[in-house]
């Protein structure tokens, strides 16, 4: 498990990726079916900070990929959203990409804000894995993620040049070999707390 900084792609044709950054920095694995390098088994958008799970062997890669496909891995995200959600907790289930999609959420904190009326610190739990699911669902609910230029409606307050306020902060799964329960957590970036402290001030 690695913590990917915001702005760094997980993999791809670019030189600067998480996979390349980890190359040569991990202890060798003794697995007989060891992969040549650690391979990510799920997606995490480049602008998103947080936990990413990587496999070191072909068997682990197959088992973990199947666990994600079968929705056996619980993922937790935290986001700062601009605006107000109607309920303190609930589920957003508008179809995406023509397919069913569901994101459960709960509001952890709120604070008044000069630009958007209110900022909310939200914990989100995607039950499906559509592209940009959390970002789309929160925007459709009238509470786009702060800094999300792609899904913030025109004319609504947008905090620029600070990145996307979305972080993958929790993973719960079974170990691919022993089936023992595993749980990982990571704090969101410091900018989450900073923007709450500055709410109501000039951006």
N, C-alpha and C. Protein backbone atom coordinates (compact mmCIF):
# COMPACT_ATOMS: atom_id res chain seq x y z
N UNK A 1 0.86 -1.18 0.00
CA UNK A 1 0.00 0.00 0.00
C UNK A 1 0.89 1.23 0.00
N UNK A 2 0.60 2.17 -0.88
CA UNK A 2 1.35 3.42 -0.96
C UNK A 2 0.38 4.59 -0.83
N UNK A 3 0.91 5.72 -0.41
CA UNK A 3 0.14 6.96 -0.40
C UNK A 3 0.59 7.79 -1.59
N UNK A 4 -0.29 7.94 -2.56
CA UNK A 4 0.03 8.68 -3.78
C UNK A 4 -0.24 10.17 -3.58
N UNK A 5 0.74 11.01 -3.85
CA UNK A 5 0.48 12.45 -3.75
C UNK A 5 -0.42 12.93 -4.89
N UNK A 6 -1.19 13.95 -4.62
CA UNK A 6 -2.04 14.54 -5.66
C UNK A 6 -1.18 15.06 -6.80
N UNK A 7 -1.67 14.88 -8.02
CA UNK A 7 -0.96 15.35 -9.20
C UNK A 7 -0.08 14.32 -9.85
N UNK A 8 0.16 13.20 -9.18
CA UNK A 8 1.02 12.15 -9.73
C UNK A 8 0.16 11.02 -10.31
N UNK A 9 0.27 10.73 -11.62
CA UNK A 9 -0.49 9.60 -12.16
C UNK A 9 -0.01 8.28 -11.53
N UNK A 10 -0.91 7.32 -11.43
CA UNK A 10 -0.53 6.01 -10.89
C UNK A 10 0.41 5.29 -11.86
N UNK A 11 0.06 5.28 -13.13
CA UNK A 11 0.87 4.61 -14.15
C UNK A 11 0.60 5.30 -15.48
N UNK A 12 1.24 4.80 -16.52
CA UNK A 12 1.02 5.38 -17.84
C UNK A 12 2.33 5.57 -18.58
N UNK A 13 2.26 6.29 -19.70
CA UNK A 13 3.42 6.49 -20.56
C UNK A 13 4.37 7.57 -20.05
N UNK A 14 3.90 8.41 -19.09
CA UNK A 14 4.77 9.45 -18.56
C UNK A 14 5.90 8.84 -17.73
N UNK A 15 6.99 9.59 -17.62
CA UNK A 15 8.10 9.12 -16.78
C UNK A 15 7.74 9.24 -15.30
N UNK A 16 7.10 10.35 -14.92
CA UNK A 16 6.77 10.58 -13.52
C UNK A 16 5.42 9.94 -13.19
N UNK A 17 5.46 8.72 -12.69
CA UNK A 17 4.28 8.00 -12.24
C UNK A 17 4.60 7.34 -10.90
N UNK A 18 3.57 6.93 -10.18
CA UNK A 18 3.79 6.23 -8.92
C UNK A 18 4.54 4.93 -9.14
N UNK A 19 4.20 4.19 -10.18
CA UNK A 19 4.87 2.91 -10.46
C UNK A 19 6.36 3.13 -10.67
N UNK A 20 6.72 4.14 -11.45
CA UNK A 20 8.14 4.41 -11.67
C UNK A 20 8.82 4.91 -10.40
N UNK A 21 8.11 5.71 -9.61
CA UNK A 21 8.69 6.24 -8.38
C UNK A 21 9.03 5.13 -7.39
N UNK A 22 8.24 4.05 -7.40
CA UNK A 22 8.46 2.94 -6.47
C UNK A 22 9.50 1.95 -6.98
N UNK A 23 9.83 2.03 -8.27
CA UNK A 23 10.77 1.07 -8.87
C UNK A 23 12.11 1.13 -8.16
N UNK A 24 12.57 -0.03 -7.67
CA UNK A 24 13.86 -0.11 -7.01
C UNK A 24 13.85 0.31 -5.56
N UNK A 25 12.70 0.75 -5.05
CA UNK A 25 12.63 1.23 -3.67
C UNK A 25 11.97 0.24 -2.72
N UNK A 26 11.45 -0.87 -3.25
CA UNK A 26 10.79 -1.88 -2.41
C UNK A 26 11.70 -3.08 -2.24
N UNK A 27 11.64 -3.70 -1.08
CA UNK A 27 12.40 -4.92 -0.87
C UNK A 27 11.93 -6.00 -1.83
N UNK A 28 12.84 -6.84 -2.34
CA UNK A 28 12.42 -7.90 -3.26
C UNK A 28 11.42 -8.84 -2.60
N UNK A 29 10.48 -9.34 -3.37
CA UNK A 29 9.54 -10.34 -2.86
C UNK A 29 10.06 -11.73 -3.16
N UNK A 30 9.77 -12.68 -2.28
CA UNK A 30 10.25 -14.06 -2.47
C UNK A 30 9.21 -14.90 -3.21
N UNK A 31 8.10 -14.31 -3.61
CA UNK A 31 7.07 -15.07 -4.31
C UNK A 31 7.61 -15.65 -5.61
N UNK A 32 7.33 -16.92 -5.90
CA UNK A 32 7.85 -17.52 -7.14
C UNK A 32 7.26 -16.89 -8.40
N UNK A 33 6.08 -16.28 -8.28
CA UNK A 33 5.45 -15.64 -9.43
C UNK A 33 5.54 -14.12 -9.32
N UNK A 34 6.68 -13.65 -8.81
CA UNK A 34 6.86 -12.22 -8.57
C UNK A 34 6.72 -11.42 -9.87
N UNK A 35 6.05 -10.30 -9.77
CA UNK A 35 5.94 -9.38 -10.89
C UNK A 35 7.23 -8.58 -11.02
N UNK A 36 7.56 -8.12 -12.22
CA UNK A 36 8.80 -7.35 -12.38
C UNK A 36 8.79 -6.02 -11.63
N UNK A 37 7.61 -5.49 -11.37
CA UNK A 37 7.46 -4.28 -10.55
C UNK A 37 6.08 -4.30 -9.90
N UNK A 38 5.89 -3.50 -8.89
CA UNK A 38 4.60 -3.45 -8.19
C UNK A 38 3.54 -2.90 -9.14
N UNK A 39 2.42 -3.63 -9.22
CA UNK A 39 1.36 -3.29 -10.17
C UNK A 39 0.11 -2.82 -9.43
N UNK A 40 -0.42 -1.63 -9.75
CA UNK A 40 -1.66 -1.17 -9.12
C UNK A 40 -2.83 -2.06 -9.50
N UNK A 41 -3.73 -2.30 -8.56
CA UNK A 41 -4.87 -3.18 -8.82
C UNK A 41 -6.21 -2.42 -8.82
N UNK A 42 -6.15 -1.09 -8.70
CA UNK A 42 -7.36 -0.28 -8.83
C UNK A 42 -6.96 1.11 -9.28
N UNK A 43 -7.95 1.93 -9.61
CA UNK A 43 -7.68 3.25 -10.15
C UNK A 43 -7.68 4.31 -9.04
N UNK A 44 -6.90 5.34 -9.27
CA UNK A 44 -6.95 6.54 -8.44
C UNK A 44 -6.57 7.70 -9.36
N UNK A 45 -7.50 8.63 -9.55
CA UNK A 45 -7.26 9.74 -10.47
C UNK A 45 -5.99 10.48 -10.09
N UNK A 46 -5.29 11.01 -11.09
CA UNK A 46 -4.06 11.76 -10.84
C UNK A 46 -4.26 12.91 -9.85
N UNK A 47 -5.38 13.68 -9.92
CA UNK A 47 -5.53 14.80 -8.97
C UNK A 47 -5.87 14.36 -7.54
N UNK A 48 -6.16 13.08 -7.34
CA UNK A 48 -6.60 12.59 -6.03
C UNK A 48 -5.42 12.11 -5.21
N UNK A 49 -5.37 12.53 -3.96
CA UNK A 49 -4.34 12.10 -3.01
C UNK A 49 -4.82 10.82 -2.32
N UNK A 50 -3.87 9.96 -1.92
CA UNK A 50 -4.27 8.90 -1.01
C UNK A 50 -3.81 7.49 -1.31
N UNK A 51 -4.50 6.55 -0.67
CA UNK A 51 -4.09 5.15 -0.64
C UNK A 51 -4.29 4.45 -1.98
N UNK A 52 -3.27 3.74 -2.39
CA UNK A 52 -3.36 2.92 -3.60
C UNK A 52 -2.76 1.55 -3.28
N UNK A 53 -3.43 0.50 -3.72
CA UNK A 53 -3.01 -0.87 -3.43
C UNK A 53 -2.29 -1.45 -4.65
N UNK A 54 -1.12 -2.04 -4.41
CA UNK A 54 -0.33 -2.61 -5.49
C UNK A 54 -0.01 -4.06 -5.20
N UNK A 55 0.06 -4.88 -6.24
CA UNK A 55 0.37 -6.30 -6.10
C UNK A 55 1.85 -6.55 -6.42
N UNK A 56 2.45 -7.50 -5.71
CA UNK A 56 3.85 -7.85 -5.94
C UNK A 56 4.00 -9.18 -6.67
N UNK A 57 2.90 -9.97 -6.74
CA UNK A 57 2.96 -11.27 -7.42
C UNK A 57 1.75 -11.41 -8.33
N UNK A 58 1.84 -12.31 -9.29
CA UNK A 58 0.74 -12.51 -10.23
C UNK A 58 -0.51 -13.04 -9.52
N UNK A 59 -0.33 -13.93 -8.54
CA UNK A 59 -1.48 -14.45 -7.82
C UNK A 59 -2.15 -13.34 -7.02
N UNK A 60 -1.37 -12.51 -6.36
CA UNK A 60 -1.95 -11.40 -5.61
C UNK A 60 -2.66 -10.43 -6.55
N UNK A 61 -2.07 -10.18 -7.70
CA UNK A 61 -2.70 -9.29 -8.68
C UNK A 61 -4.06 -9.83 -9.10
N UNK A 62 -4.13 -11.11 -9.40
CA UNK A 62 -5.39 -11.73 -9.83
C UNK A 62 -6.42 -11.69 -8.70
N UNK A 63 -6.01 -12.06 -7.49
CA UNK A 63 -6.94 -12.13 -6.36
C UNK A 63 -7.46 -10.75 -5.98
N UNK A 64 -6.58 -9.76 -5.92
CA UNK A 64 -6.99 -8.42 -5.54
C UNK A 64 -7.84 -7.76 -6.61
N UNK A 65 -7.50 -7.97 -7.87
CA UNK A 65 -8.32 -7.42 -8.95
C UNK A 65 -9.73 -7.99 -8.90
N UNK A 66 -9.83 -9.30 -8.62
CA UNK A 66 -11.15 -9.93 -8.50
C UNK A 66 -11.91 -9.38 -7.31
N UNK A 67 -11.21 -9.11 -6.20
CA UNK A 67 -11.88 -8.56 -5.01
C UNK A 67 -12.46 -7.18 -5.31
N UNK A 68 -11.75 -6.35 -6.04
CA UNK A 68 -12.30 -5.04 -6.42
C UNK A 68 -13.48 -5.21 -7.36
N UNK A 69 -13.36 -6.11 -8.33
CA UNK A 69 -14.44 -6.32 -9.29
C UNK A 69 -15.70 -6.84 -8.60
N UNK A 70 -15.53 -7.64 -7.56
CA UNK A 70 -16.66 -8.22 -6.84
C UNK A 70 -17.13 -7.35 -5.67
N UNK A 71 -16.60 -6.14 -5.56
CA UNK A 71 -16.97 -5.17 -4.52
C UNK A 71 -16.72 -5.71 -3.12
N UNK A 72 -15.60 -6.41 -2.97
CA UNK A 72 -15.24 -6.97 -1.67
C UNK A 72 -14.25 -6.07 -0.92
N UNK A 73 -13.86 -4.98 -1.53
CA UNK A 73 -12.95 -4.03 -0.90
C UNK A 73 -13.73 -2.77 -0.52
N UNK A 74 -13.65 -2.35 0.72
CA UNK A 74 -14.33 -1.13 1.17
C UNK A 74 -13.36 0.04 1.05
N UNK A 75 -13.76 1.06 0.30
CA UNK A 75 -12.92 2.24 0.09
C UNK A 75 -13.58 3.45 0.76
N UNK A 76 -12.78 4.24 1.41
CA UNK A 76 -13.26 5.47 2.05
C UNK A 76 -12.51 6.66 1.47
N UNK A 77 -13.25 7.71 1.16
CA UNK A 77 -12.66 8.95 0.67
C UNK A 77 -13.13 10.10 1.56
N UNK A 78 -12.34 11.15 1.59
CA UNK A 78 -12.76 12.38 2.24
C UNK A 78 -12.65 13.52 1.22
N UNK A 79 -13.60 14.45 1.29
CA UNK A 79 -13.64 15.56 0.34
C UNK A 79 -14.15 16.81 1.05
N UNK A 80 -13.70 17.95 0.58
CA UNK A 80 -14.29 19.22 0.96
C UNK A 80 -15.17 19.66 -0.20
N UNK A 81 -16.44 19.89 0.05
CA UNK A 81 -17.35 20.26 -1.02
C UNK A 81 -17.86 21.67 -0.80
N UNK A 82 -18.16 22.31 -1.91
CA UNK A 82 -18.66 23.68 -1.90
C UNK A 82 -20.18 23.63 -2.00
N UNK A 83 -20.86 24.11 -0.97
CA UNK A 83 -22.31 24.05 -0.98
C UNK A 83 -22.84 23.15 0.11
N UNK A 84 -24.09 22.77 -0.03
CA UNK A 84 -24.78 22.08 1.05
C UNK A 84 -25.45 20.81 0.53
N UNK A 85 -25.22 19.70 1.21
CA UNK A 85 -25.94 18.46 0.92
C UNK A 85 -27.24 18.47 1.72
N UNK A 86 -28.31 17.95 1.14
CA UNK A 86 -29.63 18.02 1.76
C UNK A 86 -29.71 17.24 3.06
N UNK A 87 -28.98 16.12 3.13
CA UNK A 87 -29.02 15.28 4.33
C UNK A 87 -27.62 15.16 4.92
N UNK A 88 -27.55 14.89 6.22
CA UNK A 88 -26.26 14.69 6.88
C UNK A 88 -25.61 13.38 6.48
N UNK A 89 -26.42 12.44 6.04
CA UNK A 89 -25.92 11.15 5.57
C UNK A 89 -26.93 10.59 4.59
N UNK A 90 -26.43 9.80 3.65
CA UNK A 90 -27.35 9.23 2.66
C UNK A 90 -26.60 8.53 1.55
N UNK A 91 -27.29 8.33 0.45
CA UNK A 91 -26.71 7.66 -0.71
C UNK A 91 -27.07 8.43 -1.97
N UNK A 92 -26.11 8.59 -2.84
CA UNK A 92 -26.30 9.21 -4.15
C UNK A 92 -26.25 8.10 -5.18
N UNK A 93 -27.37 7.91 -5.90
CA UNK A 93 -27.46 6.72 -6.75
C UNK A 93 -27.89 7.02 -8.18
N UNK A 94 -27.59 8.21 -8.66
CA UNK A 94 -27.89 8.51 -10.07
C UNK A 94 -27.01 7.63 -10.97
N UNK A 95 -27.59 7.02 -12.02
CA UNK A 95 -26.78 6.20 -12.93
C UNK A 95 -25.68 7.03 -13.59
N UNK A 96 -24.54 6.40 -13.83
CA UNK A 96 -23.42 7.03 -14.52
C UNK A 96 -22.95 6.12 -15.64
N UNK A 97 -22.56 6.71 -16.76
CA UNK A 97 -22.11 5.93 -17.92
C UNK A 97 -23.18 4.94 -18.37
N UNK A 98 -24.46 5.28 -18.09
CA UNK A 98 -25.54 4.37 -18.45
C UNK A 98 -25.63 3.13 -17.59
N UNK A 99 -24.94 3.14 -16.43
CA UNK A 99 -24.90 1.98 -15.55
C UNK A 99 -25.27 2.39 -14.13
N UNK A 100 -25.76 1.45 -13.31
CA UNK A 100 -26.06 1.79 -11.92
C UNK A 100 -24.81 2.27 -11.19
N UNK A 101 -24.99 3.21 -10.29
CA UNK A 101 -23.88 3.73 -9.50
C UNK A 101 -24.41 4.17 -8.15
N UNK A 102 -23.60 3.97 -7.11
CA UNK A 102 -24.05 4.35 -5.77
C UNK A 102 -22.85 4.82 -4.94
N UNK A 103 -23.00 5.97 -4.33
CA UNK A 103 -22.01 6.52 -3.41
C UNK A 103 -22.70 6.85 -2.11
N UNK A 104 -22.35 6.16 -1.03
CA UNK A 104 -22.85 6.53 0.28
C UNK A 104 -21.96 7.65 0.85
N UNK A 105 -22.53 8.48 1.70
CA UNK A 105 -21.75 9.58 2.26
C UNK A 105 -22.27 9.94 3.64
N UNK A 106 -21.44 10.66 4.39
CA UNK A 106 -21.89 11.32 5.61
C UNK A 106 -21.10 12.61 5.76
N UNK A 107 -21.74 13.63 6.26
CA UNK A 107 -21.12 14.93 6.45
C UNK A 107 -20.45 14.95 7.82
N UNK A 108 -19.15 15.18 7.84
CA UNK A 108 -18.40 15.18 9.09
C UNK A 108 -18.42 16.55 9.77
N UNK A 109 -18.26 17.62 8.98
CA UNK A 109 -18.19 18.97 9.53
C UNK A 109 -18.74 19.95 8.49
N UNK A 110 -19.21 21.08 8.96
CA UNK A 110 -19.62 22.16 8.06
C UNK A 110 -19.11 23.48 8.64
N UNK A 111 -18.97 24.47 7.76
CA UNK A 111 -18.58 25.80 8.19
C UNK A 111 -19.14 26.82 7.20
N UNK A 112 -19.60 27.97 7.68
CA UNK A 112 -20.09 28.99 6.75
C UNK A 112 -18.95 29.47 5.85
N UNK A 113 -19.29 29.85 4.62
CA UNK A 113 -18.29 30.30 3.67
C UNK A 113 -18.83 31.46 2.86
N UNK A 114 -18.01 32.48 2.71
CA UNK A 114 -18.41 33.68 2.01
C UNK A 114 -18.73 33.43 0.55
N UNK A 115 -18.02 32.49 -0.09
CA UNK A 115 -18.12 32.29 -1.52
C UNK A 115 -19.27 31.37 -1.92
N UNK A 116 -19.48 30.31 -1.15
CA UNK A 116 -20.47 29.32 -1.55
C UNK A 116 -21.57 29.11 -0.51
N UNK A 117 -21.57 29.91 0.54
CA UNK A 117 -22.57 29.74 1.58
C UNK A 117 -22.13 28.78 2.66
N UNK A 118 -21.57 27.64 2.23
CA UNK A 118 -21.14 26.63 3.20
C UNK A 118 -20.09 25.73 2.57
N UNK A 119 -19.11 25.34 3.36
CA UNK A 119 -18.20 24.26 3.01
C UNK A 119 -18.55 23.05 3.88
N UNK A 120 -18.49 21.87 3.29
CA UNK A 120 -18.76 20.64 4.04
C UNK A 120 -17.60 19.67 3.88
N UNK A 121 -17.22 19.07 4.99
CA UNK A 121 -16.19 18.01 4.98
C UNK A 121 -16.96 16.70 4.96
N UNK A 122 -16.79 15.95 3.88
CA UNK A 122 -17.63 14.78 3.62
C UNK A 122 -16.78 13.52 3.56
N UNK A 123 -17.30 12.45 4.14
CA UNK A 123 -16.72 11.12 3.98
C UNK A 123 -17.59 10.37 2.98
N UNK A 124 -16.97 9.75 1.98
CA UNK A 124 -17.72 9.08 0.91
C UNK A 124 -17.25 7.64 0.76
N UNK A 125 -18.22 6.76 0.46
CA UNK A 125 -17.95 5.34 0.33
C UNK A 125 -18.55 4.85 -0.99
N UNK A 126 -17.76 4.78 -2.05
CA UNK A 126 -18.32 4.33 -3.34
C UNK A 126 -18.60 2.83 -3.33
N UNK A 127 -19.82 2.47 -3.65
CA UNK A 127 -20.18 1.05 -3.72
C UNK A 127 -20.02 0.50 -5.12
N UNK A 128 -19.85 1.38 -6.09
CA UNK A 128 -19.54 0.97 -7.46
C UNK A 128 -18.31 1.77 -7.88
N UNK A 129 -17.78 1.45 -9.05
CA UNK A 129 -16.51 2.06 -9.46
C UNK A 129 -16.55 2.75 -10.80
N UNK A 130 -17.54 3.60 -11.01
CA UNK A 130 -17.61 4.34 -12.27
C UNK A 130 -16.54 5.45 -12.30
N UNK A 131 -16.15 5.83 -13.50
CA UNK A 131 -15.14 6.86 -13.66
C UNK A 131 -15.59 8.17 -13.02
N UNK A 132 -14.73 8.74 -12.16
CA UNK A 132 -15.00 10.01 -11.48
C UNK A 132 -16.33 9.96 -10.71
N UNK A 133 -16.68 8.79 -10.18
CA UNK A 133 -18.00 8.61 -9.58
C UNK A 133 -18.28 9.59 -8.44
N UNK A 134 -17.37 9.70 -7.48
CA UNK A 134 -17.62 10.57 -6.33
C UNK A 134 -17.73 12.02 -6.80
N UNK A 135 -16.85 12.43 -7.68
CA UNK A 135 -16.85 13.80 -8.19
C UNK A 135 -18.17 14.12 -8.90
N UNK A 136 -18.63 13.20 -9.74
CA UNK A 136 -19.87 13.42 -10.48
C UNK A 136 -21.07 13.43 -9.55
N UNK A 137 -21.15 12.46 -8.64
CA UNK A 137 -22.31 12.35 -7.77
C UNK A 137 -22.44 13.58 -6.86
N UNK A 138 -21.34 14.04 -6.29
CA UNK A 138 -21.41 15.21 -5.41
C UNK A 138 -21.79 16.46 -6.20
N UNK A 139 -21.27 16.59 -7.40
CA UNK A 139 -21.64 17.73 -8.23
C UNK A 139 -23.13 17.70 -8.57
N UNK A 140 -23.63 16.52 -8.92
CA UNK A 140 -25.04 16.39 -9.26
C UNK A 140 -25.94 16.68 -8.05
N UNK A 141 -25.41 16.48 -6.86
CA UNK A 141 -26.17 16.76 -5.63
C UNK A 141 -26.09 18.23 -5.23
N UNK A 142 -25.41 19.04 -6.04
CA UNK A 142 -25.30 20.45 -5.74
C UNK A 142 -24.16 20.81 -4.81
N UNK A 143 -23.20 19.88 -4.63
CA UNK A 143 -22.07 20.11 -3.73
C UNK A 143 -20.79 19.62 -4.39
N UNK A 144 -20.32 20.32 -5.44
CA UNK A 144 -19.10 19.88 -6.12
C UNK A 144 -17.89 19.95 -5.21
N UNK A 145 -16.93 19.07 -5.47
CA UNK A 145 -15.71 19.07 -4.66
C UNK A 145 -14.91 20.34 -4.94
N UNK A 146 -14.40 20.92 -3.88
CA UNK A 146 -13.63 22.14 -4.00
C UNK A 146 -12.42 21.91 -4.92
N UNK A 147 -12.22 22.82 -5.85
CA UNK A 147 -11.10 22.72 -6.77
C UNK A 147 -11.34 21.84 -7.97
N UNK A 148 -12.56 21.33 -8.15
CA UNK A 148 -12.86 20.43 -9.26
C UNK A 148 -13.37 21.21 -10.47
N UNK A 149 -12.44 21.65 -11.31
CA UNK A 149 -12.80 22.46 -12.48
C UNK A 149 -13.67 21.68 -13.46
N UNK A 150 -13.53 20.35 -13.49
CA UNK A 150 -14.27 19.54 -14.46
C UNK A 150 -15.75 19.44 -14.12
N UNK A 151 -16.11 19.46 -12.83
CA UNK A 151 -17.48 19.18 -12.44
C UNK A 151 -18.13 20.27 -11.59
N UNK A 152 -17.49 21.43 -11.49
CA UNK A 152 -18.12 22.55 -10.81
C UNK A 152 -18.94 23.34 -11.83
N UNK A 153 -20.25 23.49 -11.63
CA UNK A 153 -21.09 24.20 -12.60
C UNK A 153 -20.61 25.63 -12.84
N UNK A 154 -20.81 26.09 -14.05
CA UNK A 154 -20.40 27.44 -14.41
C UNK A 154 -21.12 28.45 -13.51
N UNK A 155 -20.38 29.43 -13.03
CA UNK A 155 -20.94 30.45 -12.17
C UNK A 155 -20.87 30.13 -10.69
N UNK A 156 -20.53 28.87 -10.34
CA UNK A 156 -20.41 28.50 -8.93
C UNK A 156 -18.97 28.71 -8.46
N UNK A 157 -18.79 29.01 -7.20
CA UNK A 157 -17.47 29.31 -6.65
C UNK A 157 -16.50 28.15 -6.88
N UNK A 158 -15.30 28.47 -7.37
CA UNK A 158 -14.28 27.46 -7.65
C UNK A 158 -12.96 27.95 -7.08
N UNK A 159 -12.39 27.18 -6.17
CA UNK A 159 -11.09 27.51 -5.60
C UNK A 159 -10.02 27.02 -6.57
N UNK A 160 -9.29 27.96 -7.18
CA UNK A 160 -8.30 27.61 -8.20
C UNK A 160 -6.90 27.50 -7.60
N UNK A 161 -6.06 26.76 -8.29
CA UNK A 161 -4.62 26.67 -8.01
C UNK A 161 -4.30 25.99 -6.68
N UNK A 162 -5.25 25.31 -6.08
CA UNK A 162 -5.00 24.56 -4.84
C UNK A 162 -5.20 23.07 -5.02
N UNK A 163 -5.54 22.65 -6.24
CA UNK A 163 -5.76 21.24 -6.48
C UNK A 163 -7.14 20.76 -6.07
N UNK A 164 -7.35 19.47 -6.23
CA UNK A 164 -8.64 18.84 -5.93
C UNK A 164 -8.69 18.43 -4.47
N UNK A 165 -9.76 18.79 -3.77
CA UNK A 165 -9.89 18.45 -2.35
C UNK A 165 -10.59 17.11 -2.20
N UNK A 166 -9.92 16.07 -2.68
CA UNK A 166 -10.43 14.69 -2.59
C UNK A 166 -9.26 13.78 -2.23
N UNK A 167 -9.46 12.92 -1.23
CA UNK A 167 -8.39 12.03 -0.77
C UNK A 167 -8.95 10.65 -0.46
N UNK A 168 -8.23 9.63 -0.89
CA UNK A 168 -8.56 8.24 -0.56
C UNK A 168 -7.93 7.94 0.79
N UNK A 169 -8.76 7.79 1.81
CA UNK A 169 -8.24 7.73 3.19
C UNK A 169 -8.41 6.37 3.87
N UNK A 170 -9.10 5.42 3.24
CA UNK A 170 -9.31 4.14 3.90
C UNK A 170 -9.47 2.98 2.94
N UNK A 171 -8.91 1.83 3.32
CA UNK A 171 -9.09 0.58 2.57
C UNK A 171 -9.32 -0.55 3.57
N UNK A 172 -10.34 -1.38 3.32
CA UNK A 172 -10.57 -2.59 4.11
C UNK A 172 -10.72 -3.76 3.14
N UNK A 173 -9.96 -4.82 3.36
CA UNK A 173 -9.97 -5.96 2.45
C UNK A 173 -9.43 -7.18 3.17
N UNK A 174 -9.40 -8.30 2.45
CA UNK A 174 -8.78 -9.51 2.95
C UNK A 174 -7.42 -9.69 2.28
N UNK A 175 -6.45 -10.19 3.05
CA UNK A 175 -5.14 -10.47 2.49
C UNK A 175 -5.29 -11.47 1.36
N UNK A 176 -4.66 -11.24 0.21
CA UNK A 176 -4.88 -12.12 -0.94
C UNK A 176 -4.39 -13.56 -0.75
N UNK A 177 -3.50 -13.81 0.20
CA UNK A 177 -3.01 -15.17 0.44
C UNK A 177 -3.60 -15.78 1.70
N UNK A 178 -3.55 -15.06 2.82
CA UNK A 178 -3.98 -15.64 4.10
C UNK A 178 -5.46 -15.40 4.38
N UNK A 179 -6.09 -14.47 3.67
CA UNK A 179 -7.48 -14.06 3.86
C UNK A 179 -7.70 -13.35 5.19
N UNK A 180 -6.63 -12.99 5.87
CA UNK A 180 -6.76 -12.23 7.11
C UNK A 180 -7.31 -10.83 6.80
N UNK A 181 -8.14 -10.28 7.68
CA UNK A 181 -8.67 -8.93 7.43
C UNK A 181 -7.56 -7.89 7.54
N UNK A 182 -7.57 -6.94 6.63
CA UNK A 182 -6.59 -5.85 6.61
C UNK A 182 -7.33 -4.53 6.57
N UNK A 183 -6.79 -3.54 7.25
CA UNK A 183 -7.38 -2.21 7.23
C UNK A 183 -6.26 -1.18 7.20
N UNK A 184 -6.36 -0.22 6.27
CA UNK A 184 -5.36 0.82 6.13
C UNK A 184 -6.06 2.17 6.16
N UNK A 185 -5.37 3.15 6.73
CA UNK A 185 -5.94 4.50 6.75
C UNK A 185 -4.82 5.52 6.56
N UNK A 186 -5.19 6.67 6.04
CA UNK A 186 -4.25 7.76 5.83
C UNK A 186 -5.00 9.07 6.01
N UNK A 187 -4.34 10.03 6.63
CA UNK A 187 -4.97 11.33 6.83
C UNK A 187 -5.03 12.10 5.51
N UNK A 188 -6.04 12.92 5.33
CA UNK A 188 -6.08 13.78 4.14
C UNK A 188 -4.98 14.83 4.23
N UNK A 189 -4.67 15.50 3.12
CA UNK A 189 -3.63 16.53 3.15
C UNK A 189 -3.97 17.67 4.11
N UNK A 190 -2.93 18.37 4.55
CA UNK A 190 -3.11 19.49 5.49
C UNK A 190 -4.01 20.58 4.93
N UNK A 191 -4.07 20.69 3.60
CA UNK A 191 -4.87 21.77 3.00
C UNK A 191 -6.36 21.63 3.34
N UNK A 192 -6.82 20.44 3.68
CA UNK A 192 -8.22 20.27 4.08
C UNK A 192 -8.52 21.12 5.31
N UNK A 193 -7.68 20.98 6.34
CA UNK A 193 -7.89 21.75 7.57
C UNK A 193 -7.66 23.23 7.32
N UNK A 194 -6.68 23.54 6.49
CA UNK A 194 -6.37 24.95 6.23
C UNK A 194 -7.52 25.68 5.58
N UNK A 195 -8.18 25.04 4.60
CA UNK A 195 -9.26 25.73 3.90
C UNK A 195 -10.46 25.92 4.82
N UNK A 196 -10.66 25.00 5.77
CA UNK A 196 -11.74 25.16 6.74
C UNK A 196 -11.45 26.36 7.65
N UNK A 197 -10.21 26.51 8.04
CA UNK A 197 -9.85 27.62 8.94
C UNK A 197 -9.99 28.95 8.23
N UNK A 198 -9.81 28.95 6.89
CA UNK A 198 -9.88 30.20 6.14
C UNK A 198 -11.26 30.44 5.55
N UNK A 199 -12.20 29.56 5.78
CA UNK A 199 -13.54 29.71 5.19
C UNK A 199 -14.12 31.07 5.56
N UNK A 200 -14.69 31.72 4.56
CA UNK A 200 -15.25 33.02 4.79
C UNK A 200 -14.28 34.15 4.44
N UNK A 201 -13.00 33.81 4.28
CA UNK A 201 -12.01 34.81 3.91
C UNK A 201 -11.88 34.88 2.39
N UNK A 202 -11.16 35.85 1.91
CA UNK A 202 -10.96 36.00 0.47
C UNK A 202 -10.03 34.90 -0.06
N UNK A 203 -10.43 34.19 -1.13
CA UNK A 203 -9.55 33.19 -1.75
C UNK A 203 -8.47 33.88 -2.56
